[in-house]
Amino acid sequence: MNIGLMRERVSLQAPQELRSPTGEATLVWATEATVWGSVDGLSSRDVLQAQQANVIASHKVIIRHRDGVNPQYRLLWRGKTLEIVSVSPRDNRTRLELLVNEVQ
């Protein structure tokens, strides 16, 4: 793992359900951690490979391994919201490779 390539600050957010006093459920996003990562747009080859796995992705994000990160999470990066579509542990569980799709 090349730590020098992880130059971007990325916030990991997890969904949480809040209940109002009347019992109405509301989905909110809570920031669990802000970590260093590498964020790259996908090449056309990567896009084709993702489509073969039935995944629509626009970026690949690499962060240090963290337990519990799953496709229900989302990322905030440079004011953009990135929905996680795939989580893959790499290099003997020292890093996570996340395929993400930008949410408009």
PDB file of N, CA and C in Angstrom:
ATOM      1  N   MET A   1       0.855  -1.166   0.000  1.00  0.00           N
ATOM      2  CA  MET A   1       0.000   0.000   0.000  1.00  0.00           C
ATOM      3  C   MET A   1       0.904   1.232   0.000  1.00  0.00           C
ATOM      4  N   ASN A   2       0.669   2.142  -0.923  1.00  0.00           N
ATOM      5  CA  ASN A   2       1.433   3.370  -1.021  1.00  0.00           C
ATOM      6  C   ASN A   2       0.666   4.493  -0.316  1.00  0.00           C
ATOM      7  N   ILE A   3       1.077   4.782   0.910  1.00  0.00           N
ATOM      8  CA  ILE A   3       0.383   5.777   1.725  1.00  0.00           C
ATOM      9  C   ILE A   3       0.456   7.163   1.085  1.00  0.00           C
ATOM     10  N   GLY A   4       1.537   7.455   0.348  1.00  0.00           N
ATOM     11  CA  GLY A   4       1.705   8.763  -0.264  1.00  0.00           C
ATOM     12  C   GLY A   4       0.626   9.120  -1.269  1.00  0.00           C
ATOM     13  N   LEU A   5      -0.077   8.125  -1.809  1.00  0.00           N
ATOM     14  CA  LEU A   5      -1.142   8.385  -2.770  1.00  0.00           C
ATOM     15  C   LEU A   5      -2.458   8.756  -2.096  1.00  0.00           C
ATOM     16  N   MET A   6      -2.553   8.545  -0.798  1.00  0.00           N
ATOM     17  CA  MET A   6      -3.781   8.841  -0.056  1.00  0.00           C
ATOM     18  C   MET A   6      -3.732  10.289   0.418  1.00  0.00           C
ATOM     19  N   ARG A   7      -4.138  11.211  -0.465  1.00  0.00           N
ATOM     20  CA  ARG A   7      -4.019  12.642  -0.206  1.00  0.00           C
ATOM     21  C   ARG A   7      -5.353  13.344  -0.023  1.00  0.00           C
ATOM     22  N   GLU A   8      -6.424  12.621  -0.112  1.00  0.00           N
ATOM     23  CA  GLU A   8      -7.761  13.225  -0.047  1.00  0.00           C
ATOM     24  C   GLU A   8      -8.410  12.915   1.291  1.00  0.00           C
ATOM     25  N   ARG A   9      -9.144  13.891   1.839  1.00  0.00           N
ATOM     26  CA  ARG A   9      -9.914  13.669   3.059  1.00  0.00           C
ATOM     27  C   ARG A   9     -11.305  13.207   2.658  1.00  0.00           C
ATOM     28  N   VAL A  10     -11.709  12.074   3.178  1.00  0.00           N
ATOM     29  CA  VAL A  10     -12.995  11.457   2.853  1.00  0.00           C
ATOM     30  C   VAL A  10     -13.731  11.186   4.158  1.00  0.00           C
ATOM     31  N   SER A  11     -15.006  11.568   4.216  1.00  0.00           N
ATOM     32  CA  SER A  11     -15.823  11.311   5.412  1.00  0.00           C
ATOM     33  C   SER A  11     -16.718  10.113   5.164  1.00  0.00           C
ATOM     34  N   LEU A  12     -16.646   9.131   6.066  1.00  0.00           N
ATOM     35  CA  LEU A  12     -17.526   7.957   6.013  1.00  0.00           C
ATOM     36  C   LEU A  12     -18.777   8.266   6.812  1.00  0.00           C
ATOM     37  N   GLN A  13     -19.934   8.066   6.195  1.00  0.00           N
ATOM     38  CA  GLN A  13     -21.201   8.325   6.879  1.00  0.00           C
ATOM     39  C   GLN A  13     -22.051   7.060   6.891  1.00  0.00           C
ATOM     40  N   ALA A  14     -22.682   6.830   8.028  1.00  0.00           N
ATOM     41  CA  ALA A  14     -23.563   5.675   8.192  1.00  0.00           C
ATOM     42  C   ALA A  14     -25.002   6.165   8.374  1.00  0.00           C
ATOM     43  N   PRO A  15     -25.964   5.415   7.831  1.00  0.00           N
ATOM     44  CA  PRO A  15     -27.360   5.819   8.008  1.00  0.00           C
ATOM     45  C   PRO A  15     -27.832   5.524   9.426  1.00  0.00           C
ATOM     46  N   GLN A  16     -28.626   6.429   9.962  1.00  0.00           N
ATOM     47  CA  GLN A  16     -29.234   6.221  11.277  1.00  0.00           C
ATOM     48  C   GLN A  16     -30.684   6.666  11.203  1.00  0.00           C
ATOM     49  N   GLU A  17     -31.505   5.981  11.962  1.00  0.00           N
ATOM     50  CA  GLU A  17     -32.927   6.298  11.981  1.00  0.00           C
ATOM     51  C   GLU A  17     -33.244   7.055  13.262  1.00  0.00           C
ATOM     52  N   LEU A  18     -33.805   8.240  13.107  1.00  0.00           N
ATOM     53  CA  LEU A  18     -34.233   9.034  14.259  1.00  0.00           C
ATOM     54  C   LEU A  18     -35.748   9.005  14.346  1.00  0.00           C
ATOM     55  N   ARG A  19     -36.249   8.971  15.555  1.00  0.00           N
ATOM     56  CA  ARG A  19     -37.697   8.985  15.777  1.00  0.00           C
ATOM     57  C   ARG A  19     -38.106  10.320  16.371  1.00  0.00           C
ATOM     58  N   SER A  20     -39.136  10.895  15.811  1.00  0.00           N
ATOM     59  CA  SER A  20     -39.678  12.145  16.343  1.00  0.00           C
ATOM     60  C   SER A  20     -40.522  11.809  17.578  1.00  0.00           C
ATOM     61  N   PRO A  21     -40.912  12.811  18.339  1.00  0.00           N
ATOM     62  CA  PRO A  21     -41.759  12.546  19.511  1.00  0.00           C
ATOM     63  C   PRO A  21     -43.080  11.859  19.138  1.00  0.00           C
ATOM     64  N   THR A  22     -43.529  12.036  17.896  1.00  0.00           N
ATOM     65  CA  THR A  22     -44.771  11.380  17.469  1.00  0.00           C
ATOM     66  C   THR A  22     -44.533   9.973  16.942  1.00  0.00           C
ATOM     67  N   GLY A  23     -43.255   9.553  16.878  1.00  0.00           N
ATOM     68  CA  GLY A  23     -42.937   8.201  16.432  1.00  0.00           C
ATOM     69  C   GLY A  23     -42.582   8.095  14.966  1.00  0.00           C
ATOM     70  N   GLU A  24     -42.551   9.208  14.250  1.00  0.00           N
ATOM     71  CA  GLU A  24     -42.215   9.194  12.829  1.00  0.00           C
ATOM     72  C   GLU A  24     -40.712   8.968  12.652  1.00  0.00           C
ATOM     73  N   ALA A  25     -40.337   8.038  11.769  1.00  0.00           N
ATOM     74  CA  ALA A  25     -38.936   7.717  11.529  1.00  0.00           C
ATOM     75  C   ALA A  25     -38.366   8.614  10.434  1.00  0.00           C
ATOM     76  N   THR A  26     -37.143   9.111  10.671  1.00  0.00           N
ATOM     77  CA  THR A  26     -36.444   9.945   9.706  1.00  0.00           C
ATOM     78  C   THR A  26     -35.032   9.397   9.544  1.00  0.00           C
ATOM     79  N   LEU A  27     -34.579   9.262   8.290  1.00  0.00           N
ATOM     80  CA  LEU A  27     -33.230   8.791   8.009  1.00  0.00           C
ATOM     81  C   LEU A  27     -32.272   9.975   8.019  1.00  0.00           C
ATOM     82  N   VAL A  28     -31.210   9.871   8.817  1.00  0.00           N
ATOM     83  CA  VAL A  28     -30.165  10.891   8.864  1.00  0.00           C
ATOM     84  C   VAL A  28     -28.819  10.199   8.665  1.00  0.00           C
ATOM     85  N   TRP A  29     -27.831  10.974   8.258  1.00  0.00           N
ATOM     86  CA  TRP A  29     -26.490  10.440   8.038  1.00  0.00           C
ATOM     87  C   TRP A  29     -25.561  10.964   9.115  1.00  0.00           C
ATOM     88  N   ALA A  30     -24.879  10.047   9.805  1.00  0.00           N
ATOM     89  CA  ALA A  30     -23.946  10.407  10.868  1.00  0.00           C
ATOM     90  C   ALA A  30     -22.525  10.109  10.404  1.00  0.00           C
ATOM     91  N   THR A  31     -21.652  11.089  10.530  1.00  0.00           N
ATOM     92  CA  THR A  31     -20.256  10.886  10.147  1.00  0.00           C
ATOM     93  C   THR A  31     -19.580  10.018  11.191  1.00  0.00           C
ATOM     94  N   GLU A  32     -19.067   8.863  10.747  1.00  0.00           N
ATOM     95  CA  GLU A  32     -18.387   7.943  11.657  1.00  0.00           C
ATOM     96  C   GLU A  32     -16.900   8.214  11.741  1.00  0.00           C
ATOM     97  N   ALA A  33     -16.317   8.648  10.612  1.00  0.00           N
ATOM     98  CA  ALA A  33     -14.874   8.909  10.597  1.00  0.00           C
ATOM     99  C   ALA A  33     -14.530   9.755   9.383  1.00  0.00           C
ATOM    100  N   THR A  34     -13.468  10.521   9.517  1.00  0.00           N
ATOM    101  CA  THR A  34     -12.886  11.219   8.378  1.00  0.00           C
ATOM    102  C   THR A  34     -11.488  10.651   8.217  1.00  0.00           C
ATOM    103  N   VAL A  35     -11.215  10.083   7.040  1.00  0.00           N
ATOM    104  CA  VAL A  35      -9.981   9.333   6.809  1.00  0.00           C
ATOM    105  C   VAL A  35      -9.271   9.861   5.562  1.00  0.00           C
ATOM    106  N   TRP A  36      -8.005   9.493   5.441  1.00  0.00           N
ATOM    107  CA  TRP A  36      -7.242   9.788   4.239  1.00  0.00           C
ATOM    108  C   TRP A  36      -7.510   8.704   3.216  1.00  0.00           C
ATOM    109  N   GLY A  37      -7.619   9.103   1.961  1.00  0.00           N
ATOM    110  CA  GLY A  37      -7.865   8.119   0.916  1.00  0.00           C
ATOM    111  C   GLY A  37      -7.405   8.607  -0.439  1.00  0.00           C
ATOM    112  N   SER A  38      -7.502   7.722  -1.395  1.00  0.00           N
ATOM    113  CA  SER A  38      -7.192   8.015  -2.782  1.00  0.00           C
ATOM    114  C   SER A  38      -8.498   7.927  -3.568  1.00  0.00           C
ATOM    115  N   VAL A  39      -8.831   8.981  -4.312  1.00  0.00           N
ATOM    116  CA  VAL A  39     -10.076   9.001  -5.082  1.00  0.00           C
ATOM    117  C   VAL A  39      -9.711   9.203  -6.554  1.00  0.00           C
ATOM    118  N   ASP A  40     -10.113   8.250  -7.388  1.00  0.00           N
ATOM    119  CA  ASP A  40      -9.810   8.319  -8.818  1.00  0.00           C
ATOM    120  C   ASP A  40     -11.062   8.032  -9.625  1.00  0.00           C
ATOM    121  N   GLY A  41     -11.213   8.740 -10.730  1.00  0.00           N
ATOM    122  CA  GLY A  41     -12.276   8.418 -11.673  1.00  0.00           C
ATOM    123  C   GLY A  41     -11.959   7.087 -12.333  1.00  0.00           C
ATOM    124  N   LEU A  42     -12.981   6.354 -12.708  1.00  0.00           N
ATOM    125  CA  LEU A  42     -12.761   5.054 -13.339  1.00  0.00           C
ATOM    126  C   LEU A  42     -12.392   5.217 -14.804  1.00  0.00           C
ATOM    127  N   SER A  43     -11.450   4.396 -15.251  1.00  0.00           N
ATOM    128  CA  SER A  43     -11.106   4.357 -16.667  1.00  0.00           C
ATOM    129  C   SER A  43     -12.197   3.581 -17.402  1.00  0.00           C
ATOM    130  N   SER A  44     -12.196   3.658 -18.705  1.00  0.00           N
ATOM    131  CA  SER A  44     -13.221   2.937 -19.475  1.00  0.00           C
ATOM    132  C   SER A  44     -13.112   1.435 -19.244  1.00  0.00           C
ATOM    133  N   ARG A  45     -11.903   0.933 -19.061  1.00  0.00           N
ATOM    134  CA  ARG A  45     -11.720  -0.500 -18.777  1.00  0.00           C
ATOM    135  C   ARG A  45     -12.354  -0.872 -17.439  1.00  0.00           C
ATOM    136  N   ASP A  46     -12.117  -0.021 -16.420  1.00  0.00           N
ATOM    137  CA  ASP A  46     -12.706  -0.275 -15.097  1.00  0.00           C
ATOM    138  C   ASP A  46     -14.229  -0.215 -15.147  1.00  0.00           C
ATOM    139  N   VAL A  47     -14.769   0.726 -15.930  1.00  0.00           N
ATOM    140  CA  VAL A  47     -16.227   0.844 -16.062  1.00  0.00           C
ATOM    141  C   VAL A  47     -16.797  -0.426 -16.676  1.00  0.00           C
ATOM    142  N   LEU A  48     -16.136  -0.962 -17.708  1.00  0.00           N
ATOM    143  CA  LEU A  48     -16.610  -2.200 -18.339  1.00  0.00           C
ATOM    144  C   LEU A  48     -16.566  -3.370 -17.362  1.00  0.00           C
ATOM    145  N   GLN A  49     -15.492  -3.463 -16.571  1.00  0.00           N
ATOM    146  CA  GLN A  49     -15.405  -4.541 -15.585  1.00  0.00           C
ATOM    147  C   GLN A  49     -16.502  -4.405 -14.528  1.00  0.00           C
ATOM    148  N   ALA A  50     -16.783  -3.188 -14.097  1.00  0.00           N
ATOM    149  CA  ALA A  50     -17.840  -2.967 -13.105  1.00  0.00           C
ATOM    150  C   ALA A  50     -19.197  -3.330 -13.691  1.00  0.00           C
ATOM    151  N   GLN A  51     -19.421  -2.989 -14.958  1.00  0.00           N
ATOM    152  CA  GLN A  51     -20.706  -3.309 -15.584  1.00  0.00           C
ATOM    153  C   GLN A  51     -20.898  -4.812 -15.714  1.00  0.00           C
ATOM    154  N   GLN A  52     -19.810  -5.561 -15.902  1.00  0.00           N
ATOM    155  CA  GLN A  52     -19.914  -7.018 -15.972  1.00  0.00           C
ATOM    156  C   GLN A  52     -20.375  -7.594 -14.645  1.00  0.00           C
ATOM    157  N   ALA A  53     -20.067  -6.910 -13.573  1.00  0.00           N
ATOM    158  CA  ALA A  53     -20.506  -7.343 -12.245  1.00  0.00           C
ATOM    159  C   ALA A  53     -21.821  -6.686 -11.852  1.00  0.00           C
ATOM    160  N   ASN A  54     -22.514  -6.061 -12.818  1.00  0.00           N
ATOM    161  CA  ASN A  54     -23.791  -5.377 -12.582  1.00  0.00           C
ATOM    162  C   ASN A  54     -23.670  -4.262 -11.551  1.00  0.00           C
ATOM    163  N   VAL A  55     -22.583  -3.499 -11.634  1.00  0.00           N
ATOM    164  CA  VAL A  55     -22.333  -2.389 -10.729  1.00  0.00           C
ATOM    165  C   VAL A  55     -22.189  -1.115 -11.555  1.00  0.00           C
ATOM    166  N   ILE A  56     -22.880  -0.063 -11.167  1.00  0.00           N
ATOM    167  CA  ILE A  56     -22.725   1.230 -11.824  1.00  0.00           C
ATOM    168  C   ILE A  56     -21.869   2.086 -10.902  1.00  0.00           C
ATOM    169  N   ALA A  57     -20.667   2.427 -11.373  1.00  0.00           N
ATOM    170  CA  ALA A  57     -19.739   3.182 -10.539  1.00  0.00           C
ATOM    171  C   ALA A  57     -19.075   4.279 -11.360  1.00  0.00           C
ATOM    172  N   SER A  58     -18.692   5.369 -10.680  1.00  0.00           N
ATOM    173  CA  SER A  58     -18.023   6.477 -11.354  1.00  0.00           C
ATOM    174  C   SER A  58     -16.616   6.728 -10.818  1.00  0.00           C
ATOM    175  N   HIS A  59     -16.331   6.283  -9.572  1.00  0.00           N
ATOM    176  CA  HIS A  59     -15.034   6.509  -8.953  1.00  0.00           C
ATOM    177  C   HIS A  59     -14.584   5.262  -8.188  1.00  0.00           C
ATOM    178  N   LYS A  60     -13.265   5.179  -7.980  1.00  0.00           N
ATOM    179  CA  LYS A  60     -12.693   4.151  -7.113  1.00  0.00           C
ATOM    180  C   LYS A  60     -11.999   4.872  -5.967  1.00  0.00           C
ATOM    181  N   VAL A  61     -12.322   4.480  -4.739  1.00  0.00           N
ATOM    182  CA  VAL A  61     -11.757   5.096  -3.544  1.00  0.00           C
ATOM    183  C   VAL A  61     -11.001   4.019  -2.783  1.00  0.00           C
ATOM    184  N   ILE A  62      -9.775   4.343  -2.365  1.00  0.00           N
ATOM    185  CA  ILE A  62      -8.976   3.409  -1.573  1.00  0.00           C
ATOM    186  C   ILE A  62      -8.699   4.063  -0.229  1.00  0.00           C
ATOM    187  N   ILE A  63      -9.031   3.339   0.843  1.00  0.00           N
ATOM    188  CA  ILE A  63      -8.774   3.801   2.211  1.00  0.00           C
ATOM    189  C   ILE A  63      -8.127   2.660   2.982  1.00  0.00           C
ATOM    190  N   ARG A  64      -7.572   2.984   4.139  1.00  0.00           N
ATOM    191  CA  ARG A  64      -7.074   1.915   5.013  1.00  0.00           C
ATOM    192  C   ARG A  64      -8.242   1.053   5.464  1.00  0.00           C
ATOM    193  N   HIS A  65      -7.956  -0.203   5.751  1.00  0.00           N
ATOM    194  CA  HIS A  65      -9.013  -1.132   6.137  1.00  0.00           C
ATOM    195  C   HIS A  65      -9.715  -0.674   7.402  1.00  0.00           C
ATOM    196  N   ARG A  66     -11.021  -0.740   7.387  1.00  0.00           N
ATOM    197  CA  ARG A  66     -11.861  -0.452   8.547  1.00  0.00           C
ATOM    198  C   ARG A  66     -12.936  -1.517   8.601  1.00  0.00           C
ATOM    199  N   ASP A  67     -13.164  -2.083   9.767  1.00  0.00           N
ATOM    200  CA  ASP A  67     -14.245  -3.048   9.927  1.00  0.00           C
ATOM    201  C   ASP A  67     -15.588  -2.332   9.875  1.00  0.00           C
ATOM    202  N   GLY A  68     -16.582  -3.000   9.316  1.00  0.00           N
ATOM    203  CA  GLY A  68     -17.941  -2.489   9.337  1.00  0.00           C
ATOM    204  C   GLY A  68     -18.351  -1.661   8.140  1.00  0.00           C
ATOM    205  N   VAL A  69     -17.412  -1.269   7.278  1.00  0.00           N
ATOM    206  CA  VAL A  69     -17.788  -0.474   6.107  1.00  0.00           C
ATOM    207  C   VAL A  69     -18.522  -1.380   5.125  1.00  0.00           C
ATOM    208  N   ASN A  70     -19.703  -0.943   4.689  1.00  0.00           N
ATOM    209  CA  ASN A  70     -20.515  -1.755   3.780  1.00  0.00           C
ATOM    210  C   ASN A  70     -21.250  -0.839   2.798  1.00  0.00           C
ATOM    211  N   PRO A  71     -21.930  -1.416   1.799  1.00  0.00           N
ATOM    212  CA  PRO A  71     -22.607  -0.594   0.801  1.00  0.00           C
ATOM    213  C   PRO A  71     -23.755   0.275   1.329  1.00  0.00           C
ATOM    214  N   GLN A  72     -24.134   0.138   2.586  1.00  0.00           N
ATOM    215  CA  GLN A  72     -25.155   1.030   3.144  1.00  0.00           C
ATOM    216  C   GLN A  72     -24.561   2.391   3.501  1.00  0.00           C
ATOM    217  N   TYR A  73     -23.243   2.455   3.636  1.00  0.00           N
ATOM    218  CA  TYR A  73     -22.561   3.707   3.954  1.00  0.00           C
ATOM    219  C   TYR A  73     -22.506   4.595   2.722  1.00  0.00           C
ATOM    220  N   ARG A  74     -22.099   5.841   2.948  1.00  0.00           N
ATOM    221  CA  ARG A  74     -21.809   6.745   1.847  1.00  0.00           C
ATOM    222  C   ARG A  74     -20.579   7.563   2.226  1.00  0.00           C
ATOM    223  N   LEU A  75     -20.011   8.242   1.236  1.00  0.00           N
ATOM    224  CA  LEU A  75     -18.830   9.066   1.449  1.00  0.00           C
ATOM    225  C   LEU A  75     -19.134  10.516   1.082  1.00  0.00           C
ATOM    226  N   LEU A  76     -18.471  11.424   1.773  1.00  0.00           N
ATOM    227  CA  LEU A  76     -18.476  12.827   1.381  1.00  0.00           C
ATOM    228  C   LEU A  76     -17.047  13.170   0.988  1.00  0.00           C
ATOM    229  N   TRP A  77     -16.889  13.753  -0.209  1.00  0.00           N
ATOM    230  CA  TRP A  77     -15.572  14.101  -0.725  1.00  0.00           C
ATOM    231  C   TRP A  77     -15.691  15.361  -1.559  1.00  0.00           C
ATOM    232  N   ARG A  78     -14.972  16.396  -1.164  1.00  0.00           N
ATOM    233  CA  ARG A  78     -14.963  17.676  -1.887  1.00  0.00           C
ATOM    234  C   ARG A  78     -16.369  18.206  -2.156  1.00  0.00           C
ATOM    235  N   GLY A  79     -17.253  18.059  -1.204  1.00  0.00           N
ATOM    236  CA  GLY A  79     -18.618  18.547  -1.345  1.00  0.00           C
ATOM    237  C   GLY A  79     -19.525  17.636  -2.160  1.00  0.00           C
ATOM    238  N   LYS A  80     -19.020  16.495  -2.582  1.00  0.00           N
ATOM    239  CA  LYS A  80     -19.814  15.544  -3.360  1.00  0.00           C
ATOM    240  C   LYS A  80     -20.230  14.377  -2.477  1.00  0.00           C
ATOM    241  N   THR A  81     -21.392  13.837  -2.757  1.00  0.00           N
ATOM    242  CA  THR A  81     -21.879  12.661  -2.051  1.00  0.00           C
ATOM    243  C   THR A  81     -21.648  11.460  -2.950  1.00  0.00           C
ATOM    244  N   LEU A  82     -20.940  10.459  -2.416  1.00  0.00           N
ATOM    245  CA  LEU A  82     -20.614   9.251  -3.163  1.00  0.00           C
ATOM    246  C   LEU A  82     -21.267   8.048  -2.490  1.00  0.00           C
ATOM    247  N   GLU A  83     -22.124   7.355  -3.221  1.00  0.00           N
ATOM    248  CA  GLU A  83     -22.817   6.174  -2.721  1.00  0.00           C
ATOM    249  C   GLU A  83     -21.924   4.958  -2.951  1.00  0.00           C
ATOM    250  N   ILE A  84     -21.680   4.174  -1.914  1.00  0.00           N
ATOM    251  CA  ILE A  84     -20.827   2.986  -2.039  1.00  0.00           C
ATOM    252  C   ILE A  84     -21.642   1.862  -2.685  1.00  0.00           C
ATOM    253  N   VAL A  85     -21.087   1.293  -3.771  1.00  0.00           N
ATOM    254  CA  VAL A  85     -21.772   0.190  -4.444  1.00  0.00           C
ATOM    255  C   VAL A  85     -21.029  -1.130  -4.279  1.00  0.00           C
ATOM    256  N   SER A  86     -19.739  -1.071  -3.911  1.00  0.00           N
ATOM    257  CA  SER A  86     -18.961  -2.290  -3.730  1.00  0.00           C
ATOM    258  C   SER A  86     -17.822  -2.035  -2.755  1.00  0.00           C
ATOM    259  N   VAL A  87     -17.596  -2.987  -1.849  1.00  0.00           N
ATOM    260  CA  VAL A  87     -16.499  -2.915  -0.884  1.00  0.00           C
ATOM    261  C   VAL A  87     -15.656  -4.170  -1.047  1.00  0.00           C
ATOM    262  N   SER A  88     -14.347  -3.998  -1.335  1.00  0.00           N
ATOM    263  CA  SER A  88     -13.455  -5.139  -1.533  1.00  0.00           C
ATOM    264  C   SER A  88     -12.196  -4.971  -0.698  1.00  0.00           C
ATOM    265  N   PRO A  89     -11.949  -5.877   0.268  1.00  0.00           N
ATOM    266  CA  PRO A  89     -10.686  -5.836   1.010  1.00  0.00           C
ATOM    267  C   PRO A  89      -9.543  -6.222   0.073  1.00  0.00           C
ATOM    268  N   ARG A  90      -8.417  -5.554   0.192  1.00  0.00           N
ATOM    269  CA  ARG A  90      -7.251  -5.807  -0.653  1.00  0.00           C
ATOM    270  C   ARG A  90      -5.990  -5.902   0.206  1.00  0.00           C
ATOM    271  N   ASP A  91      -4.936  -6.467  -0.374  1.00  0.00           N
ATOM    272  CA  ASP A  91      -3.609  -6.547   0.246  1.00  0.00           C
ATOM    273  C   ASP A  91      -3.658  -7.088   1.673  1.00  0.00           C
ATOM    274  N   ASN A  92      -4.242  -8.278   1.796  1.00  0.00           N
ATOM    275  CA  ASN A  92      -4.289  -8.945   3.105  1.00  0.00           C
ATOM    276  C   ASN A  92      -4.985  -8.091   4.156  1.00  0.00           C
ATOM    277  N   ARG A  93      -6.104  -7.467   3.753  1.00  0.00           N
ATOM    278  CA  ARG A  93      -6.951  -6.655   4.625  1.00  0.00           C
ATOM    279  C   ARG A  93      -6.232  -5.439   5.213  1.00  0.00           C
ATOM    280  N   THR A  94      -5.320  -4.835   4.434  1.00  0.00           N
ATOM    281  CA  THR A  94      -4.678  -3.601   4.883  1.00  0.00           C
ATOM    282  C   THR A  94      -5.361  -2.380   4.286  1.00  0.00           C
ATOM    283  N   ARG A  95      -6.132  -2.571   3.203  1.00  0.00           N
ATOM    284  CA  ARG A  95      -6.839  -1.459   2.589  1.00  0.00           C
ATOM    285  C   ARG A  95      -8.175  -1.931   2.037  1.00  0.00           C
ATOM    286  N   LEU A  96      -9.071  -0.984   1.835  1.00  0.00           N
ATOM    287  CA  LEU A  96     -10.373  -1.265   1.230  1.00  0.00           C
ATOM    288  C   LEU A  96     -10.450  -0.538  -0.108  1.00  0.00           C
ATOM    289  N   GLU A  97     -10.938  -1.242  -1.101  1.00  0.00           N
ATOM    290  CA  GLU A  97     -11.196  -0.632  -2.400  1.00  0.00           C
ATOM    291  C   GLU A  97     -12.710  -0.489  -2.520  1.00  0.00           C
ATOM    292  N   LEU A  98     -13.171   0.759  -2.642  1.00  0.00           N
ATOM    293  CA  LEU A  98     -14.590   1.054  -2.711  1.00  0.00           C
ATOM    294  C   LEU A  98     -14.921   1.543  -4.108  1.00  0.00           C
ATOM    295  N   LEU A  99     -15.887   0.909  -4.748  1.00  0.00           N
ATOM    296  CA  LEU A  99     -16.440   1.446  -5.988  1.00  0.00           C
ATOM    297  C   LEU A  99     -17.639   2.274  -5.586  1.00  0.00           C
ATOM    298  N   VAL A 100     -17.670   3.517  -6.062  1.00  0.00           N
ATOM    299  CA  VAL A 100     -18.722   4.447  -5.647  1.00  0.00           C
ATOM    300  C   VAL A 100     -19.352   5.114  -6.859  1.00  0.00           C
ATOM    301  N   ASN A 101     -20.561   5.608  -6.656  1.00  0.00           N
ATOM    302  CA  ASN A 101     -21.284   6.326  -7.684  1.00  0.00           C
ATOM    303  C   ASN A 101     -21.693   7.677  -7.121  1.00  0.00           C
ATOM    304  N   GLU A 102     -21.407   8.738  -7.861  1.00  0.00           N
ATOM    305  CA  GLU A 102     -21.756  10.075  -7.399  1.00  0.00           C
ATOM    306  C   GLU A 102     -23.257  10.289  -7.434  1.00  0.00           C
ATOM    307  N   VAL A 103     -23.808  10.778  -6.329  1.00  0.00           N
ATOM    308  CA  VAL A 103     -25.234  11.044  -6.204  1.00  0.00           C
ATOM    309  C   VAL A 103     -25.478  12.511  -6.518  1.00  0.00           C
ATOM    310  N   GLN A 104     -26.419  12.786  -7.390  1.00  0.00           N
ATOM    311  CA  GLN A 104     -26.724  14.167  -7.784  1.00  0.00           C
ATOM    312  C   GLN A 104     -27.728  14.781  -6.838  1.00  0.00           C
TER     313      GLN A 104
END
